[in-house]
Amino acid sequence: MFPLIAPSHHTLTVIGDDGARAEVRERILDVAEKHIRHIGHQKTNVADIADELGMSRANVYRFFPTRAAIDHGLYARFAEQALEAIRDIARSTAPARVKLVAIIETLHYRIRRHLAEERNIHALFVAAAGENWRVTRSYFEQLTADLEAVIHDGQKASELPAADPSKTAQSIITAMISFLHPVLVEQRVSDGGDIDADLDLHVRFVLRALEISKG
């Protein structure tokens, strides 16, 4: 239920605080996500989103200045869900190496699941990566920071080598990028190779690199 909103059809106007505005933004993203799942982000338009919400297009644009901004906002929401999943892993009591492997596998299999079961959502991720959206860069920056925190904790527990946590996190992402980038994952699937075996091989390579750096 919308608080502090004038309810007349096609004249929906927010008159409340930031919390009310945030709720409207989420409602817009909810409807956009439903349409994108059904027909894809390229066919989804502001008029259809506005009509379902009982808003004018002008009101939608008060919250998202462009049609592309809705896609960016939806990607950011999916990205935050992925980051929350890996933070749950990071907060566990497992050893650092186990956490790192679990994080990589979790992110990879999310991409695989979208590719297999939700092609229109996967297409949104492909567009975000291919067009280098700012929210995509922000996602990888936050992912790097979260990995860095896991590495730092592992170093404090003497589980990982005393190397620069930031550079180590960046190196792990670089080594695993073909399993974390939606376009490259799709290419691996199209090639028809044994992706799970390749993933295991790359993960073992990363773990061996950490052992070598521990000296």
C-alpha atoms as a PDB file:
ATOM      1  CA  MET A   1       0.000   0.000   0.000  1.00  0.00           C
ATOM      2  CA  PHE A   2       1.378   3.414  -0.962  1.00  0.00           C
ATOM      3  CA  PRO A   3       1.625   5.940   1.873  1.00  0.00           C
ATOM      4  CA  LEU A   4       1.098   9.644   1.138  1.00  0.00           C
ATOM      5  CA  ILE A   5       0.183   9.196  -2.523  1.00  0.00           C
ATOM      6  CA  ALA A   6      -2.699  10.844  -4.363  1.00  0.00           C
ATOM      7  CA  PRO A   7      -4.502   7.858  -5.921  1.00  0.00           C
ATOM      8  CA  SER A   8      -6.286   9.265  -8.993  1.00  0.00           C
ATOM      9  CA  HIS A   9      -5.635   7.243 -12.180  1.00  0.00           C
ATOM     10  CA  HIS A  10      -2.814   8.635 -14.367  1.00  0.00           C
ATOM     11  CA  THR A  11      -2.140  11.445 -11.870  1.00  0.00           C
ATOM     12  CA  LEU A  12      -0.328   9.437  -9.207  1.00  0.00           C
ATOM     13  CA  THR A  13       1.823  11.955  -7.347  1.00  0.00           C
ATOM     14  CA  VAL A  14       4.181  11.385  -4.477  1.00  0.00           C
ATOM     15  CA  ILE A  15       3.782  13.970  -1.754  1.00  0.00           C
ATOM     16  CA  GLY A  16       5.615  12.226   1.051  1.00  0.00           C
ATOM     17  CA  ASP A  17       9.136  11.690   2.341  1.00  0.00           C
ATOM     18  CA  ASP A  18      12.118   9.735   1.008  1.00  0.00           C
ATOM     19  CA  GLY A  19      10.669   6.489   2.330  1.00  0.00           C
ATOM     20  CA  ALA A  20       7.535   6.975   0.259  1.00  0.00           C
ATOM     21  CA  ARG A  21       9.599   7.814  -2.812  1.00  0.00           C
ATOM     22  CA  ALA A  22      11.720   4.708  -2.295  1.00  0.00           C
ATOM     23  CA  GLU A  23       8.569   2.595  -2.106  1.00  0.00           C
ATOM     24  CA  VAL A  24       7.318   4.001  -5.397  1.00  0.00           C
ATOM     25  CA  ARG A  25      10.679   3.303  -7.028  1.00  0.00           C
ATOM     26  CA  GLU A  26      10.490  -0.292  -5.852  1.00  0.00           C
ATOM     27  CA  ARG A  27       6.951  -0.619  -7.203  1.00  0.00           C
ATOM     28  CA  ILE A  28       8.118   0.662 -10.588  1.00  0.00           C
ATOM     29  CA  LEU A  29      10.997  -1.816 -10.578  1.00  0.00           C
ATOM     30  CA  ASP A  30       8.654  -4.642  -9.582  1.00  0.00           C
ATOM     31  CA  VAL A  31       6.435  -3.986 -12.575  1.00  0.00           C
ATOM     32  CA  ALA A  32       9.412  -3.463 -14.887  1.00  0.00           C
ATOM     33  CA  GLU A  33      10.875  -6.779 -13.758  1.00  0.00           C
ATOM     34  CA  LYS A  34       7.602  -8.577 -14.493  1.00  0.00           C
ATOM     35  CA  HIS A  35       7.489  -7.138 -18.018  1.00  0.00           C
ATOM     36  CA  ILE A  36      11.180  -7.805 -18.661  1.00  0.00           C
ATOM     37  CA  ARG A  37      10.864 -11.411 -17.548  1.00  0.00           C
ATOM     38  CA  HIS A  38       7.951 -11.821 -19.962  1.00  0.00           C
ATOM     39  CA  ILE A  39       9.048  -9.877 -23.075  1.00  0.00           C
ATOM     40  CA  GLY A  40      12.634  -8.739 -22.450  1.00  0.00           C
ATOM     41  CA  HIS A  41      14.129  -5.365 -21.608  1.00  0.00           C
ATOM     42  CA  GLN A  42      14.219  -4.130 -25.204  1.00  0.00           C
ATOM     43  CA  LYS A  43      10.453  -4.521 -25.656  1.00  0.00           C
ATOM     44  CA  THR A  44       9.470  -3.203 -22.240  1.00  0.00           C
ATOM     45  CA  ASN A  45       8.353   0.420 -22.376  1.00  0.00           C
ATOM     46  CA  VAL A  46       7.505   3.142 -19.883  1.00  0.00           C
ATOM     47  CA  ALA A  47       3.913   3.454 -21.110  1.00  0.00           C
ATOM     48  CA  ASP A  48       3.114  -0.143 -20.165  1.00  0.00           C
ATOM     49  CA  ILE A  49       4.791   0.199 -16.764  1.00  0.00           C
ATOM     50  CA  ALA A  50       2.946   3.456 -16.059  1.00  0.00           C
ATOM     51  CA  ASP A  51      -0.403   2.036 -17.154  1.00  0.00           C
ATOM     52  CA  GLU A  52      -0.117  -0.978 -14.858  1.00  0.00           C
ATOM     53  CA  LEU A  53       0.718   1.297 -11.919  1.00  0.00           C
ATOM     54  CA  GLY A  54      -2.009   3.818 -12.713  1.00  0.00           C
ATOM     55  CA  MET A  55       0.623   6.487 -13.249  1.00  0.00           C
ATOM     56  CA  SER A  56       1.388   8.859 -16.079  1.00  0.00           C
ATOM     57  CA  ARG A  57       4.665   8.395 -17.941  1.00  0.00           C
ATOM     58  CA  ALA A  58       5.715  11.793 -16.629  1.00  0.00           C
ATOM     59  CA  ASN A  59       5.397  10.502 -13.070  1.00  0.00           C
ATOM     60  CA  VAL A  60       7.508   7.438 -13.875  1.00  0.00           C
ATOM     61  CA  TYR A  61      10.181   9.755 -15.244  1.00  0.00           C
ATOM     62  CA  ARG A  62      10.200  11.618 -11.918  1.00  0.00           C
ATOM     63  CA  PHE A  63      11.769   8.509 -10.401  1.00  0.00           C
ATOM     64  CA  PHE A  64      13.768   7.257 -13.398  1.00  0.00           C
ATOM     65  CA  PRO A  65      14.843  10.059 -15.757  1.00  0.00           C
ATOM     66  CA  THR A  66      15.218   7.718 -18.748  1.00  0.00           C
ATOM     67  CA  ARG A  67      13.916   4.343 -19.842  1.00  0.00           C
ATOM     68  CA  ALA A  68      17.487   3.022 -19.548  1.00  0.00           C
ATOM     69  CA  ALA A  69      17.600   4.165 -15.916  1.00  0.00           C
ATOM     70  CA  ILE A  70      14.903   1.604 -15.104  1.00  0.00           C
ATOM     71  CA  ASP A  71      17.069  -1.172 -16.557  1.00  0.00           C
ATOM     72  CA  HIS A  72      20.037   0.121 -14.577  1.00  0.00           C
ATOM     73  CA  GLY A  73      17.978   0.230 -11.393  1.00  0.00           C
ATOM     74  CA  LEU A  74      16.730  -3.298 -11.928  1.00  0.00           C
ATOM     75  CA  TYR A  75      20.253  -4.563 -12.616  1.00  0.00           C
ATOM     76  CA  ALA A  76      21.437  -2.853  -9.424  1.00  0.00           C
ATOM     77  CA  ARG A  77      18.729  -4.669  -7.477  1.00  0.00           C
ATOM     78  CA  PHE A  78      19.735  -8.057  -8.905  1.00  0.00           C
ATOM     79  CA  ALA A  79      23.379  -7.233  -8.207  1.00  0.00           C
ATOM     80  CA  GLU A  80      22.590  -6.405  -4.586  1.00  0.00           C
ATOM     81  CA  GLN A  81      20.813  -9.740  -4.213  1.00  0.00           C
ATOM     82  CA  ALA A  82      23.938 -11.505  -5.464  1.00  0.00           C
ATOM     83  CA  LEU A  83      26.127  -9.502  -3.110  1.00  0.00           C
ATOM     84  CA  GLU A  84      23.877 -10.336  -0.173  1.00  0.00           C
ATOM     85  CA  ALA A  85      24.221 -14.023  -1.027  1.00  0.00           C
ATOM     86  CA  ILE A  86      27.996 -13.835  -0.908  1.00  0.00           C
ATOM     87  CA  ARG A  87      27.940 -11.766   2.273  1.00  0.00           C
ATOM     88  CA  ASP A  88      26.003 -14.566   3.920  1.00  0.00           C
ATOM     89  CA  ILE A  89      28.892 -16.835   2.946  1.00  0.00           C
ATOM     90  CA  ALA A  90      31.444 -14.296   4.173  1.00  0.00           C
ATOM     91  CA  ARG A  91      29.732 -14.133   7.569  1.00  0.00           C
ATOM     92  CA  SER A  92      29.927 -17.895   8.032  1.00  0.00           C
ATOM     93  CA  THR A  93      32.502 -19.586  10.244  1.00  0.00           C
ATOM     94  CA  ALA A  94      34.039 -21.587   7.388  1.00  0.00           C
ATOM     95  CA  PRO A  95      37.764 -21.234   6.593  1.00  0.00           C
ATOM     96  CA  ALA A  96      38.651 -18.428   4.204  1.00  0.00           C
ATOM     97  CA  ARG A  97      39.523 -20.753   1.315  1.00  0.00           C
ATOM     98  CA  VAL A  98      36.172 -22.485   1.638  1.00  0.00           C
ATOM     99  CA  LYS A  99      34.432 -19.110   1.615  1.00  0.00           C
ATOM    100  CA  LEU A 100      36.301 -17.971  -1.485  1.00  0.00           C
ATOM    101  CA  VAL A 101      35.372 -21.123  -3.390  1.00  0.00           C
ATOM    102  CA  ALA A 102      31.748 -20.888  -2.260  1.00  0.00           C
ATOM    103  CA  ILE A 103      31.534 -17.246  -3.357  1.00  0.00           C
ATOM    104  CA  ILE A 104      32.908 -17.978  -6.814  1.00  0.00           C
ATOM    105  CA  GLU A 105      30.648 -20.993  -7.305  1.00  0.00           C
ATOM    106  CA  THR A 106      27.575 -19.169  -6.017  1.00  0.00           C
ATOM    107  CA  LEU A 107      28.032 -16.273  -8.431  1.00  0.00           C
ATOM    108  CA  HIS A 108      28.828 -18.566 -11.346  1.00  0.00           C
ATOM    109  CA  TYR A 109      25.812 -20.800 -10.847  1.00  0.00           C
ATOM    110  CA  ARG A 110      23.516 -17.786 -10.524  1.00  0.00           C
ATOM    111  CA  ILE A 111      24.591 -16.772 -14.026  1.00  0.00           C
ATOM    112  CA  ARG A 112      24.138 -20.329 -15.302  1.00  0.00           C
ATOM    113  CA  ARG A 113      20.660 -20.511 -13.776  1.00  0.00           C
ATOM    114  CA  HIS A 114      19.572 -17.256 -15.390  1.00  0.00           C
ATOM    115  CA  LEU A 115      20.971 -18.398 -18.725  1.00  0.00           C
ATOM    116  CA  ALA A 116      19.101 -21.698 -18.552  1.00  0.00           C
ATOM    117  CA  GLU A 117      15.852 -20.622 -16.908  1.00  0.00           C
ATOM    118  CA  GLU A 118      15.463 -16.834 -17.262  1.00  0.00           C
ATOM    119  CA  ARG A 119      16.868 -15.832 -20.620  1.00  0.00           C
ATOM    120  CA  ASN A 120      15.377 -12.343 -20.563  1.00  0.00           C
ATOM    121  CA  ILE A 121      17.033 -11.583 -17.229  1.00  0.00           C
ATOM    122  CA  HIS A 122      20.278 -12.996 -18.563  1.00  0.00           C
ATOM    123  CA  ALA A 123      19.913 -10.713 -21.610  1.00  0.00           C
ATOM    124  CA  LEU A 124      19.662  -7.731 -19.239  1.00  0.00           C
ATOM    125  CA  PHE A 125      22.933  -8.782 -17.591  1.00  0.00           C
ATOM    126  CA  VAL A 126      24.579  -9.223 -20.993  1.00  0.00           C
ATOM    127  CA  ALA A 127      23.521  -5.705 -21.977  1.00  0.00           C
ATOM    128  CA  ALA A 128      24.829  -4.310 -18.687  1.00  0.00           C
ATOM    129  CA  ALA A 129      28.213  -5.994 -19.151  1.00  0.00           C
ATOM    130  CA  GLY A 130      28.507  -5.338 -22.883  1.00  0.00           C
ATOM    131  CA  GLU A 131      27.607  -1.663 -22.573  1.00  0.00           C
ATOM    132  CA  ASN A 132      29.730  -1.227 -19.427  1.00  0.00           C
ATOM    133  CA  TRP A 133      26.978   0.308 -17.332  1.00  0.00           C
ATOM    134  CA  ARG A 134      28.168   2.237 -14.304  1.00  0.00           C
ATOM    135  CA  VAL A 135      26.107  -0.047 -12.033  1.00  0.00           C
ATOM    136  CA  THR A 136      28.017  -3.021 -13.461  1.00  0.00           C
ATOM    137  CA  ARG A 137      31.320  -1.416 -12.557  1.00  0.00           C
ATOM    138  CA  SER A 138      29.942  -0.668  -9.092  1.00  0.00           C
ATOM    139  CA  TYR A 139      28.949  -4.308  -8.692  1.00  0.00           C
ATOM    140  CA  PHE A 140      32.449  -5.574  -9.494  1.00  0.00           C
ATOM    141  CA  GLU A 141      33.977  -2.924  -7.243  1.00  0.00           C
ATOM    142  CA  GLN A 142      31.789  -4.087  -4.355  1.00  0.00           C
ATOM    143  CA  LEU A 143      32.481  -7.736  -5.151  1.00  0.00           C
ATOM    144  CA  THR A 144      36.203  -6.976  -4.994  1.00  0.00           C
ATOM    145  CA  ALA A 145      35.738  -5.229  -1.643  1.00  0.00           C
ATOM    146  CA  ASP A 146      33.772  -8.175  -0.243  1.00  0.00           C
ATOM    147  CA  LEU A 147      36.434 -10.641  -1.380  1.00  0.00           C
ATOM    148  CA  GLU A 148      39.079  -8.378   0.107  1.00  0.00           C
ATOM    149  CA  ALA A 149      37.298  -8.538   3.473  1.00  0.00           C
ATOM    150  CA  VAL A 150      37.239 -12.347   3.360  1.00  0.00           C
ATOM    151  CA  ILE A 151      40.938 -12.412   2.471  1.00  0.00           C
ATOM    152  CA  HIS A 152      41.779  -9.955   5.237  1.00  0.00           C
ATOM    153  CA  ASP A 153      39.933 -12.072   7.795  1.00  0.00           C
ATOM    154  CA  GLY A 154      41.726 -15.172   6.480  1.00  0.00           C
ATOM    155  CA  GLN A 155      45.056 -13.451   6.924  1.00  0.00           C
ATOM    156  CA  LYS A 156      44.211 -12.479  10.492  1.00  0.00           C
ATOM    157  CA  ALA A 157      43.414 -16.146  11.182  1.00  0.00           C
ATOM    158  CA  SER A 158      46.697 -17.217   9.497  1.00  0.00           C
ATOM    159  CA  GLU A 159      44.704 -19.121   6.856  1.00  0.00           C
ATOM    160  CA  LEU A 160      45.905 -17.003   3.922  1.00  0.00           C
ATOM    161  CA  PRO A 161      49.251 -15.420   3.023  1.00  0.00           C
ATOM    162  CA  ALA A 162      50.152 -11.914   4.131  1.00  0.00           C
ATOM    163  CA  ALA A 163      49.794 -10.391   0.650  1.00  0.00           C
ATOM    164  CA  ASP A 164      47.928  -7.209  -0.275  1.00  0.00           C
ATOM    165  CA  PRO A 165      44.232  -8.162   0.200  1.00  0.00           C
ATOM    166  CA  SER A 166      43.029  -5.749  -2.486  1.00  0.00           C
ATOM    167  CA  LYS A 167      45.453  -7.012  -5.122  1.00  0.00           C
ATOM    168  CA  THR A 168      44.714 -10.612  -4.154  1.00  0.00           C
ATOM    169  CA  ALA A 169      40.972 -10.028  -4.555  1.00  0.00           C
ATOM    170  CA  GLN A 170      41.504  -8.396  -7.935  1.00  0.00           C
ATOM    171  CA  SER A 171      43.723 -11.270  -9.035  1.00  0.00           C
ATOM    172  CA  ILE A 172      41.084 -13.832  -8.067  1.00  0.00           C
ATOM    173  CA  ILE A 173      38.427 -12.015 -10.088  1.00  0.00           C
ATOM    174  CA  THR A 174      40.775 -11.732 -13.064  1.00  0.00           C
ATOM    175  CA  ALA A 175      41.581 -15.443 -12.900  1.00  0.00           C
ATOM    176  CA  MET A 176      37.896 -16.375 -12.636  1.00  0.00           C
ATOM    177  CA  ILE A 177      36.363 -13.730 -14.930  1.00  0.00           C
ATOM    178  CA  SER A 178      35.314 -16.213 -17.620  1.00  0.00           C
ATOM    179  CA  PHE A 179      33.068 -17.810 -14.976  1.00  0.00           C
ATOM    180  CA  LEU A 180      31.742 -14.519 -13.579  1.00  0.00           C
ATOM    181  CA  HIS A 181      31.014 -12.522 -16.740  1.00  0.00           C
ATOM    182  CA  PRO A 182      27.602 -13.302 -18.318  1.00  0.00           C
ATOM    183  CA  VAL A 183      28.861 -13.003 -21.889  1.00  0.00           C
ATOM    184  CA  LEU A 184      31.835 -15.288 -21.259  1.00  0.00           C
ATOM    185  CA  VAL A 185      29.715 -17.808 -19.366  1.00  0.00           C
ATOM    186  CA  GLU A 186      27.268 -17.908 -22.268  1.00  0.00           C
ATOM    187  CA  GLN A 187      30.191 -18.482 -24.630  1.00  0.00           C
ATOM    188  CA  ARG A 188      31.399 -21.393 -22.495  1.00  0.00           C
ATOM    189  CA  VAL A 189      27.932 -22.938 -22.590  1.00  0.00           C
ATOM    190  CA  SER A 190      27.740 -22.488 -26.367  1.00  0.00           C
ATOM    191  CA  ASP A 191      31.134 -24.131 -26.807  1.00  0.00           C
ATOM    192  CA  GLY A 192      29.734 -27.285 -25.221  1.00  0.00           C
ATOM    193  CA  GLY A 193      32.686 -28.054 -22.975  1.00  0.00           C
ATOM    194  CA  ASP A 194      32.590 -29.447 -19.453  1.00  0.00           C
ATOM    195  CA  ILE A 195      32.097 -26.163 -17.615  1.00  0.00           C
ATOM    196  CA  ASP A 196      31.966 -27.734 -14.176  1.00  0.00           C
ATOM    197  CA  ALA A 197      35.302 -29.465 -14.727  1.00  0.00           C
ATOM    198  CA  ASP A 198      36.805 -26.225 -16.050  1.00  0.00           C
ATOM    199  CA  LEU A 199      35.457 -24.325 -13.061  1.00  0.00           C
ATOM    200  CA  ASP A 200      36.986 -26.842 -10.675  1.00  0.00           C
ATOM    201  CA  LEU A 201      40.313 -26.609 -12.515  1.00  0.00           C
ATOM    202  CA  HIS A 202      40.388 -22.814 -12.310  1.00  0.00           C
ATOM    203  CA  VAL A 203      39.393 -22.801  -8.652  1.00  0.00           C
ATOM    204  CA  ARG A 204      42.193 -25.260  -7.862  1.00  0.00           C
ATOM    205  CA  PHE A 205      44.586 -22.997  -9.763  1.00  0.00           C
ATOM    206  CA  VAL A 206      43.582 -20.031  -7.615  1.00  0.00           C
ATOM    207  CA  LEU A 207      43.972 -22.037  -4.422  1.00  0.00           C
ATOM    208  CA  ARG A 208      47.412 -23.277  -5.520  1.00  0.00           C
ATOM    209  CA  ALA A 209      48.418 -19.689  -6.279  1.00  0.00           C
ATOM    210  CA  LEU A 210      47.482 -18.741  -2.744  1.00  0.00           C
ATOM    211  CA  GLU A 211      49.556 -21.598  -1.368  1.00  0.00           C
ATOM    212  CA  ILE A 212      52.547 -20.580  -3.485  1.00  0.00           C
ATOM    213  CA  SER A 213      52.296 -16.969  -2.305  1.00  0.00           C
ATOM    214  CA  LYS A 214      52.204 -18.273   1.253  1.00  0.00           C
ATOM    215  CA  GLY A 215      55.594 -19.760   0.514  1.00  0.00           C
END
